[in-house]
């Protein structure tokens, strides 16, 4: 029995050590050291829309994943009651974000998106270029640009 206890304790200590090693590999990246740009978009689902929320979300997600290799991360959260969606997108840089916007605006998803959603808040984090800011403004997007000197963990 003692051997089993010693073995279990040894195994537990070794597993804790490996977890500590993994977290020690994380590095802090300051915004100035990264060109990545992130969108956090709070959307209200339009009650009078004829779109199926789940079908539309699946279609647009597959489109982004399959056609945009400059999209680093893409995901969404649907509220329990289905009335709100938070969209999360991360791009390599501002140029990639503009390419995404151009692709989106010329796609069949653009009109469907605004049939289904109203934008409550559009937040962009990271070093948004002047080109990106101008493109957004010229196309009627009201964006809250934010950057943090604190950085983020990768």
N, C-alpha and C. Protein backbone atom coordinates (compact mmCIF):
# COMPACT_ATOMS: atom_id res chain seq x y z
N UNK A 1 0.81 -1.19 0.00
CA UNK A 1 0.00 0.00 0.00
C UNK A 1 0.86 1.26 0.00
N UNK A 2 1.98 1.21 0.79
CA UNK A 2 2.87 2.37 0.84
C UNK A 2 3.43 2.68 -0.55
N UNK A 3 3.76 1.65 -1.31
CA UNK A 3 4.31 1.83 -2.65
C UNK A 3 3.30 2.54 -3.55
N UNK A 4 2.04 2.17 -3.43
CA UNK A 4 1.00 2.80 -4.22
C UNK A 4 0.86 4.28 -3.87
N UNK A 5 0.92 4.60 -2.59
CA UNK A 5 0.84 6.00 -2.15
C UNK A 5 2.03 6.79 -2.67
N UNK A 6 3.25 6.23 -2.54
CA UNK A 6 4.44 6.92 -3.04
C UNK A 6 4.38 7.10 -4.56
N UNK A 7 3.91 6.10 -5.24
CA UNK A 7 3.78 6.19 -6.71
C UNK A 7 2.79 7.28 -7.08
N UNK A 8 1.63 7.32 -6.39
CA UNK A 8 0.61 8.33 -6.67
C UNK A 8 1.13 9.74 -6.40
N UNK A 9 1.82 9.90 -5.26
CA UNK A 9 2.38 11.22 -4.94
C UNK A 9 3.43 11.64 -5.97
N UNK A 10 4.27 10.71 -6.38
CA UNK A 10 5.30 11.01 -7.39
C UNK A 10 4.64 11.42 -8.70
N UNK A 11 3.62 10.70 -9.11
CA UNK A 11 2.91 11.00 -10.34
C UNK A 11 2.26 12.39 -10.27
N UNK A 12 1.66 12.70 -9.12
CA UNK A 12 1.01 13.99 -8.95
C UNK A 12 2.05 15.13 -8.99
N UNK A 13 3.18 14.96 -8.36
CA UNK A 13 4.23 15.99 -8.37
C UNK A 13 4.76 16.18 -9.78
N UNK A 14 4.96 15.09 -10.52
CA UNK A 14 5.47 15.19 -11.90
C UNK A 14 4.45 15.90 -12.79
N UNK A 15 3.17 15.62 -12.59
CA UNK A 15 2.16 16.28 -13.44
C UNK A 15 2.07 17.77 -13.11
N UNK A 16 2.22 18.14 -11.86
CA UNK A 16 2.23 19.56 -11.50
C UNK A 16 3.43 20.27 -12.09
N UNK A 17 4.56 19.59 -12.10
CA UNK A 17 5.77 20.17 -12.68
C UNK A 17 5.59 20.42 -14.16
N UNK A 18 4.95 19.49 -14.88
CA UNK A 18 4.77 19.69 -16.32
C UNK A 18 3.79 20.82 -16.61
N UNK A 19 2.77 21.00 -15.75
CA UNK A 19 1.84 22.11 -15.92
C UNK A 19 2.57 23.43 -15.70
N UNK A 20 3.43 23.48 -14.67
CA UNK A 20 4.20 24.70 -14.42
C UNK A 20 5.11 25.01 -15.60
N UNK A 21 5.70 23.99 -16.20
CA UNK A 21 6.59 24.20 -17.34
C UNK A 21 5.83 24.78 -18.52
N UNK A 22 4.62 24.27 -18.75
CA UNK A 22 3.82 24.79 -19.86
C UNK A 22 3.46 26.24 -19.65
N UNK A 23 3.07 26.62 -18.43
CA UNK A 23 2.71 28.01 -18.20
C UNK A 23 3.94 28.91 -18.23
N UNK A 24 5.09 28.38 -17.90
CA UNK A 24 6.32 29.17 -17.95
C UNK A 24 6.70 29.49 -19.39
N UNK A 25 6.17 28.74 -20.35
CA UNK A 25 6.47 28.97 -21.76
C UNK A 25 5.71 30.18 -22.31
N UNK A 26 4.67 30.63 -21.60
CA UNK A 26 3.90 31.79 -22.05
C UNK A 26 4.79 33.02 -22.04
N UNK A 27 4.55 33.89 -23.00
CA UNK A 27 5.30 35.13 -23.06
C UNK A 27 4.33 36.29 -23.14
N UNK A 28 4.74 37.41 -22.66
CA UNK A 28 3.92 38.61 -22.75
C UNK A 28 4.34 39.37 -23.98
N UNK A 29 3.35 39.75 -24.79
CA UNK A 29 3.61 40.50 -26.01
C UNK A 29 2.94 41.85 -25.88
N UNK A 30 3.68 42.89 -26.05
CA UNK A 30 3.13 44.25 -26.02
C UNK A 30 2.50 44.54 -27.38
N UNK A 31 1.48 45.39 -27.42
CA UNK A 31 0.86 45.75 -28.69
C UNK A 31 1.87 46.24 -29.70
N UNK A 32 2.86 46.96 -29.23
CA UNK A 32 3.87 47.51 -30.14
C UNK A 32 4.67 46.41 -30.82
N UNK A 33 4.68 45.22 -30.23
CA UNK A 33 5.45 44.11 -30.79
C UNK A 33 4.59 43.18 -31.65
N UNK A 34 3.33 43.50 -31.83
CA UNK A 34 2.42 42.65 -32.59
C UNK A 34 1.61 43.51 -33.55
N UNK A 35 1.41 43.00 -34.75
CA UNK A 35 0.56 43.70 -35.71
C UNK A 35 -0.85 43.13 -35.74
N UNK A 36 -1.11 42.09 -34.93
CA UNK A 36 -2.41 41.45 -34.92
C UNK A 36 -3.50 42.44 -34.52
N UNK A 37 -4.65 42.30 -35.17
CA UNK A 37 -5.78 43.18 -34.90
C UNK A 37 -7.00 42.30 -34.61
N UNK A 38 -7.74 42.67 -33.57
CA UNK A 38 -8.86 41.86 -33.11
C UNK A 38 -10.15 42.65 -33.16
N UNK A 39 -11.20 41.99 -33.63
CA UNK A 39 -12.55 42.56 -33.63
C UNK A 39 -13.37 41.87 -32.55
N UNK A 40 -14.07 42.65 -31.76
CA UNK A 40 -15.07 42.13 -30.83
C UNK A 40 -16.34 42.91 -31.16
N UNK A 41 -17.33 42.20 -31.67
CA UNK A 41 -18.52 42.86 -32.18
C UNK A 41 -19.75 42.32 -31.44
N UNK A 42 -20.45 43.22 -30.75
CA UNK A 42 -21.69 42.84 -30.08
C UNK A 42 -22.84 43.12 -31.02
N UNK A 43 -23.62 42.07 -31.28
CA UNK A 43 -24.71 42.14 -32.25
C UNK A 43 -26.05 41.83 -31.59
N UNK A 44 -27.08 42.55 -32.00
CA UNK A 44 -28.45 42.23 -31.60
C UNK A 44 -29.09 41.50 -32.77
N UNK A 45 -29.77 40.41 -32.49
CA UNK A 45 -30.46 39.66 -33.53
C UNK A 45 -31.78 40.38 -33.81
N UNK A 46 -31.99 40.73 -35.07
CA UNK A 46 -33.22 41.41 -35.47
C UNK A 46 -34.39 40.43 -35.41
N UNK A 47 -35.36 40.77 -34.61
CA UNK A 47 -36.52 39.88 -34.39
C UNK A 47 -37.31 39.63 -35.66
N UNK A 48 -37.30 40.59 -36.58
CA UNK A 48 -38.09 40.43 -37.81
C UNK A 48 -37.30 39.82 -38.97
N UNK A 49 -36.10 39.31 -38.69
CA UNK A 49 -35.27 38.71 -39.75
C UNK A 49 -35.82 37.35 -40.17
N UNK A 50 -35.69 37.07 -41.45
CA UNK A 50 -36.11 35.76 -41.97
C UNK A 50 -34.95 34.75 -41.95
N UNK A 51 -33.76 35.19 -41.57
CA UNK A 51 -32.58 34.33 -41.52
C UNK A 51 -32.64 33.37 -40.34
N UNK A 52 -32.14 32.17 -40.54
CA UNK A 52 -31.96 31.20 -39.46
C UNK A 52 -30.58 31.46 -38.86
N UNK A 53 -30.54 31.89 -37.60
CA UNK A 53 -29.30 32.27 -36.94
C UNK A 53 -28.26 31.16 -36.98
N UNK A 54 -28.62 29.96 -36.61
CA UNK A 54 -27.66 28.86 -36.55
C UNK A 54 -27.12 28.49 -37.93
N UNK A 55 -27.98 28.45 -38.92
CA UNK A 55 -27.55 28.13 -40.28
C UNK A 55 -26.63 29.22 -40.82
N UNK A 56 -27.01 30.47 -40.61
CA UNK A 56 -26.19 31.58 -41.09
C UNK A 56 -24.81 31.57 -40.42
N UNK A 57 -24.78 31.38 -39.10
CA UNK A 57 -23.50 31.35 -38.37
C UNK A 57 -22.61 30.24 -38.88
N UNK A 58 -23.18 29.08 -39.14
CA UNK A 58 -22.41 27.96 -39.67
C UNK A 58 -21.85 28.29 -41.06
N UNK A 59 -22.68 28.83 -41.93
CA UNK A 59 -22.26 29.15 -43.29
C UNK A 59 -21.14 30.19 -43.31
N UNK A 60 -21.31 31.28 -42.57
CA UNK A 60 -20.32 32.35 -42.61
C UNK A 60 -19.01 31.91 -41.95
N UNK A 61 -19.11 31.11 -40.89
CA UNK A 61 -17.90 30.59 -40.23
C UNK A 61 -17.12 29.71 -41.19
N UNK A 62 -17.80 28.80 -41.86
CA UNK A 62 -17.12 27.92 -42.82
C UNK A 62 -16.49 28.74 -43.95
N UNK A 63 -17.17 29.78 -44.40
CA UNK A 63 -16.63 30.62 -45.46
C UNK A 63 -15.33 31.30 -45.02
N UNK A 64 -15.34 31.90 -43.83
CA UNK A 64 -14.14 32.58 -43.34
C UNK A 64 -12.99 31.59 -43.17
N UNK A 65 -13.28 30.46 -42.55
CA UNK A 65 -12.24 29.46 -42.29
C UNK A 65 -11.66 28.91 -43.59
N UNK A 66 -12.51 28.68 -44.59
CA UNK A 66 -12.06 28.06 -45.84
C UNK A 66 -11.47 29.03 -46.86
N UNK A 67 -11.73 30.32 -46.72
CA UNK A 67 -11.27 31.26 -47.76
C UNK A 67 -10.28 32.30 -47.27
N UNK A 68 -10.15 32.48 -45.97
CA UNK A 68 -9.29 33.55 -45.46
C UNK A 68 -8.16 32.98 -44.61
N UNK A 69 -7.02 32.72 -45.25
CA UNK A 69 -5.89 32.18 -44.50
C UNK A 69 -5.21 33.24 -43.63
N UNK A 70 -5.62 34.49 -43.76
CA UNK A 70 -5.08 35.57 -42.94
C UNK A 70 -5.90 35.79 -41.68
N UNK A 71 -6.97 35.01 -41.51
CA UNK A 71 -7.78 35.07 -40.30
C UNK A 71 -7.17 34.09 -39.30
N UNK A 72 -6.70 34.61 -38.17
CA UNK A 72 -6.05 33.77 -37.16
C UNK A 72 -7.04 33.06 -36.25
N UNK A 73 -8.11 33.77 -35.90
CA UNK A 73 -9.12 33.20 -35.01
C UNK A 73 -10.48 33.76 -35.41
N UNK A 74 -11.50 32.91 -35.27
CA UNK A 74 -12.86 33.34 -35.61
C UNK A 74 -13.81 32.55 -34.73
N UNK A 75 -14.68 33.23 -34.03
CA UNK A 75 -15.64 32.52 -33.20
C UNK A 75 -16.78 33.43 -32.81
N UNK A 76 -17.83 32.85 -32.27
CA UNK A 76 -18.98 33.63 -31.85
C UNK A 76 -19.65 32.96 -30.66
N UNK A 77 -20.35 33.77 -29.90
CA UNK A 77 -21.13 33.31 -28.75
C UNK A 77 -22.56 33.79 -28.95
N UNK A 78 -23.50 32.88 -28.85
CA UNK A 78 -24.92 33.22 -28.95
C UNK A 78 -25.52 33.19 -27.55
N UNK A 79 -26.21 34.25 -27.19
CA UNK A 79 -26.84 34.29 -25.87
C UNK A 79 -27.84 33.15 -25.74
N UNK A 80 -28.14 32.81 -24.50
CA UNK A 80 -29.05 31.70 -24.24
C UNK A 80 -30.40 31.87 -24.92
N UNK A 81 -30.89 33.10 -24.94
CA UNK A 81 -32.21 33.34 -25.54
C UNK A 81 -32.12 33.62 -27.05
N UNK A 82 -30.91 33.63 -27.61
CA UNK A 82 -30.73 33.81 -29.05
C UNK A 82 -30.94 35.23 -29.54
N UNK A 83 -30.96 36.19 -28.63
CA UNK A 83 -31.23 37.57 -29.04
C UNK A 83 -29.95 38.40 -29.24
N UNK A 84 -28.81 37.90 -28.77
CA UNK A 84 -27.55 38.61 -28.92
C UNK A 84 -26.44 37.65 -29.33
N UNK A 85 -25.49 38.17 -30.10
CA UNK A 85 -24.33 37.40 -30.53
C UNK A 85 -23.10 38.27 -30.32
N UNK A 86 -22.06 37.67 -29.81
CA UNK A 86 -20.76 38.34 -29.74
C UNK A 86 -19.85 37.63 -30.72
N UNK A 87 -19.33 38.40 -31.65
CA UNK A 87 -18.45 37.88 -32.70
C UNK A 87 -17.02 38.25 -32.35
N UNK A 88 -16.11 37.30 -32.50
CA UNK A 88 -14.69 37.52 -32.20
C UNK A 88 -13.88 37.12 -33.43
N UNK A 89 -13.06 38.04 -33.91
CA UNK A 89 -12.22 37.77 -35.08
C UNK A 89 -10.83 38.35 -34.83
N UNK A 90 -9.79 37.62 -35.24
CA UNK A 90 -8.42 38.12 -35.13
C UNK A 90 -7.72 37.93 -36.46
N UNK A 91 -7.04 39.00 -36.90
CA UNK A 91 -6.35 38.99 -38.20
C UNK A 91 -4.87 39.28 -38.02
N UNK A 92 -4.08 38.88 -39.00
CA UNK A 92 -2.63 39.02 -38.96
C UNK A 92 -2.23 40.48 -38.75
N UNK A 93 -2.91 41.38 -39.42
CA UNK A 93 -2.59 42.80 -39.34
C UNK A 93 -3.74 43.61 -39.93
N UNK A 94 -3.58 44.93 -39.94
CA UNK A 94 -4.64 45.81 -40.46
C UNK A 94 -4.94 45.55 -41.92
N UNK A 95 -3.90 45.28 -42.71
CA UNK A 95 -4.10 45.00 -44.14
C UNK A 95 -5.00 43.78 -44.32
N UNK A 96 -4.78 42.75 -43.52
CA UNK A 96 -5.61 41.55 -43.57
C UNK A 96 -7.05 41.85 -43.16
N UNK A 97 -7.21 42.73 -42.16
CA UNK A 97 -8.55 43.10 -41.71
C UNK A 97 -9.30 43.84 -42.82
N UNK A 98 -8.60 44.70 -43.57
CA UNK A 98 -9.22 45.39 -44.70
C UNK A 98 -9.60 44.38 -45.78
N UNK A 99 -8.71 43.41 -46.05
CA UNK A 99 -9.02 42.39 -47.06
C UNK A 99 -10.26 41.60 -46.63
N UNK A 100 -10.37 41.27 -45.34
CA UNK A 100 -11.56 40.57 -44.84
C UNK A 100 -12.80 41.42 -45.08
N UNK A 101 -12.72 42.69 -44.73
CA UNK A 101 -13.88 43.57 -44.89
C UNK A 101 -14.29 43.68 -46.35
N UNK A 102 -13.31 43.79 -47.25
CA UNK A 102 -13.62 43.87 -48.68
C UNK A 102 -14.26 42.57 -49.17
N UNK A 103 -13.71 41.43 -48.72
CA UNK A 103 -14.30 40.14 -49.09
C UNK A 103 -15.74 40.04 -48.58
N UNK A 104 -15.93 40.44 -47.32
CA UNK A 104 -17.24 40.35 -46.69
C UNK A 104 -18.25 41.25 -47.40
N UNK A 105 -17.84 42.47 -47.71
CA UNK A 105 -18.75 43.43 -48.33
C UNK A 105 -19.15 43.02 -49.74
N UNK A 106 -18.32 42.27 -50.42
CA UNK A 106 -18.65 41.83 -51.79
C UNK A 106 -19.26 40.43 -51.82
N UNK A 107 -19.46 39.84 -50.64
CA UNK A 107 -20.00 38.48 -50.57
C UNK A 107 -21.51 38.50 -50.44
N UNK A 108 -22.15 37.35 -50.67
CA UNK A 108 -23.60 37.26 -50.46
C UNK A 108 -23.97 37.32 -48.97
N UNK A 109 -22.99 37.25 -48.08
CA UNK A 109 -23.26 37.28 -46.64
C UNK A 109 -23.53 38.69 -46.12
N UNK A 110 -23.02 39.70 -46.81
CA UNK A 110 -23.11 41.08 -46.32
C UNK A 110 -24.56 41.51 -46.09
N UNK A 111 -25.39 41.39 -47.10
CA UNK A 111 -26.79 41.80 -46.97
C UNK A 111 -27.52 40.92 -45.95
N UNK A 112 -27.24 39.63 -45.98
CA UNK A 112 -27.87 38.70 -45.04
C UNK A 112 -27.47 39.03 -43.60
N UNK A 113 -26.20 39.41 -43.41
CA UNK A 113 -25.69 39.76 -42.09
C UNK A 113 -26.51 40.91 -41.50
N UNK A 114 -26.70 41.96 -42.30
CA UNK A 114 -27.42 43.13 -41.80
C UNK A 114 -28.93 42.94 -41.79
N UNK A 115 -29.43 41.91 -42.46
CA UNK A 115 -30.83 41.51 -42.32
C UNK A 115 -31.02 40.83 -40.96
N UNK A 116 -30.01 40.07 -40.54
CA UNK A 116 -30.09 39.30 -39.30
C UNK A 116 -29.66 40.09 -38.07
N UNK A 117 -28.66 40.95 -38.21
CA UNK A 117 -28.07 41.63 -37.05
C UNK A 117 -28.09 43.15 -37.16
N UNK A 118 -28.07 43.76 -35.98
CA UNK A 118 -27.76 45.18 -35.83
C UNK A 118 -26.52 45.24 -34.94
N UNK A 119 -25.57 46.10 -35.30
CA UNK A 119 -24.35 46.22 -34.51
C UNK A 119 -24.60 47.13 -33.32
N UNK A 120 -24.40 46.59 -32.12
CA UNK A 120 -24.51 47.39 -30.90
C UNK A 120 -23.17 48.05 -30.58
N UNK A 121 -22.09 47.31 -30.73
CA UNK A 121 -20.76 47.83 -30.42
C UNK A 121 -19.74 47.08 -31.26
N UNK A 122 -18.78 47.82 -31.81
CA UNK A 122 -17.72 47.26 -32.63
C UNK A 122 -16.41 47.76 -32.04
N UNK A 123 -15.69 46.87 -31.38
CA UNK A 123 -14.43 47.22 -30.74
C UNK A 123 -13.29 46.60 -31.53
N UNK A 124 -12.25 47.36 -31.75
CA UNK A 124 -11.05 46.86 -32.42
C UNK A 124 -9.88 47.08 -31.47
N UNK A 125 -9.14 46.01 -31.20
CA UNK A 125 -7.93 46.13 -30.39
C UNK A 125 -6.73 45.81 -31.26
N UNK A 126 -5.61 46.39 -30.89
CA UNK A 126 -4.39 46.19 -31.65
C UNK A 126 -4.06 47.44 -32.45
N UNK A 127 -2.94 47.40 -33.13
CA UNK A 127 -2.46 48.59 -33.84
C UNK A 127 -3.17 48.80 -35.19
N UNK A 128 -4.36 49.35 -35.14
CA UNK A 128 -5.12 49.61 -36.36
C UNK A 128 -4.42 50.71 -37.16
N UNK A 129 -4.17 50.43 -38.42
CA UNK A 129 -3.50 51.40 -39.29
C UNK A 129 -4.45 52.53 -39.67
N UNK A 130 -3.88 53.62 -40.13
CA UNK A 130 -4.70 54.73 -40.62
C UNK A 130 -5.54 54.29 -41.81
N UNK A 131 -4.98 53.40 -42.65
CA UNK A 131 -5.72 52.87 -43.80
C UNK A 131 -6.98 52.13 -43.34
N UNK A 132 -6.82 51.30 -42.30
CA UNK A 132 -7.95 50.55 -41.77
C UNK A 132 -9.00 51.50 -41.18
N UNK A 133 -8.54 52.49 -40.42
CA UNK A 133 -9.47 53.45 -39.81
C UNK A 133 -10.24 54.22 -40.88
N UNK A 134 -9.54 54.64 -41.93
CA UNK A 134 -10.19 55.38 -43.02
C UNK A 134 -11.18 54.48 -43.74
N UNK A 135 -10.78 53.24 -44.05
CA UNK A 135 -11.67 52.29 -44.72
C UNK A 135 -12.94 52.09 -43.90
N UNK A 136 -12.79 51.90 -42.59
CA UNK A 136 -13.94 51.69 -41.71
C UNK A 136 -14.87 52.89 -41.72
N UNK A 137 -14.28 54.07 -41.57
CA UNK A 137 -15.06 55.30 -41.55
C UNK A 137 -15.77 55.54 -42.88
N UNK A 138 -15.04 55.36 -43.98
CA UNK A 138 -15.61 55.56 -45.32
C UNK A 138 -16.79 54.63 -45.60
N UNK A 139 -16.81 53.47 -44.93
CA UNK A 139 -17.86 52.49 -45.17
C UNK A 139 -18.93 52.47 -44.07
N UNK A 140 -18.92 53.51 -43.23
CA UNK A 140 -19.99 53.69 -42.26
C UNK A 140 -19.89 52.87 -40.99
N UNK A 141 -18.74 52.26 -40.73
CA UNK A 141 -18.60 51.49 -39.50
C UNK A 141 -18.12 52.40 -38.38
N UNK A 142 -18.87 52.44 -37.29
CA UNK A 142 -18.49 53.22 -36.12
C UNK A 142 -17.76 52.26 -35.20
N UNK A 143 -16.46 52.50 -35.04
CA UNK A 143 -15.63 51.56 -34.30
C UNK A 143 -14.98 52.25 -33.11
N UNK A 144 -14.94 51.51 -32.01
CA UNK A 144 -14.26 51.95 -30.80
C UNK A 144 -12.86 51.32 -30.86
N UNK A 145 -11.86 52.13 -31.20
CA UNK A 145 -10.49 51.63 -31.29
C UNK A 145 -9.84 51.67 -29.92
N UNK A 146 -9.26 50.54 -29.53
CA UNK A 146 -8.61 50.43 -28.23
C UNK A 146 -7.26 49.76 -28.38
N UNK A 147 -6.34 50.20 -27.57
CA UNK A 147 -5.06 49.50 -27.48
C UNK A 147 -4.65 49.56 -26.02
N UNK A 148 -3.86 48.59 -25.62
CA UNK A 148 -3.47 48.51 -24.22
C UNK A 148 -1.96 48.45 -24.11
N UNK A 149 -1.40 49.24 -23.25
CA UNK A 149 0.05 49.21 -23.03
C UNK A 149 0.42 48.01 -22.18
N UNK A 150 -0.57 47.34 -21.60
CA UNK A 150 -0.28 46.21 -20.72
C UNK A 150 0.11 44.94 -21.48
N UNK A 151 -0.27 44.83 -22.74
CA UNK A 151 0.04 43.63 -23.51
C UNK A 151 -0.91 42.50 -23.19
N UNK A 152 -0.65 41.33 -23.76
CA UNK A 152 -1.47 40.16 -23.52
C UNK A 152 -0.56 38.94 -23.51
N UNK A 153 -1.04 37.85 -22.92
CA UNK A 153 -0.24 36.64 -22.80
C UNK A 153 -0.47 35.73 -23.97
N UNK A 154 0.59 35.21 -24.51
CA UNK A 154 0.49 34.26 -25.61
C UNK A 154 1.13 32.97 -25.17
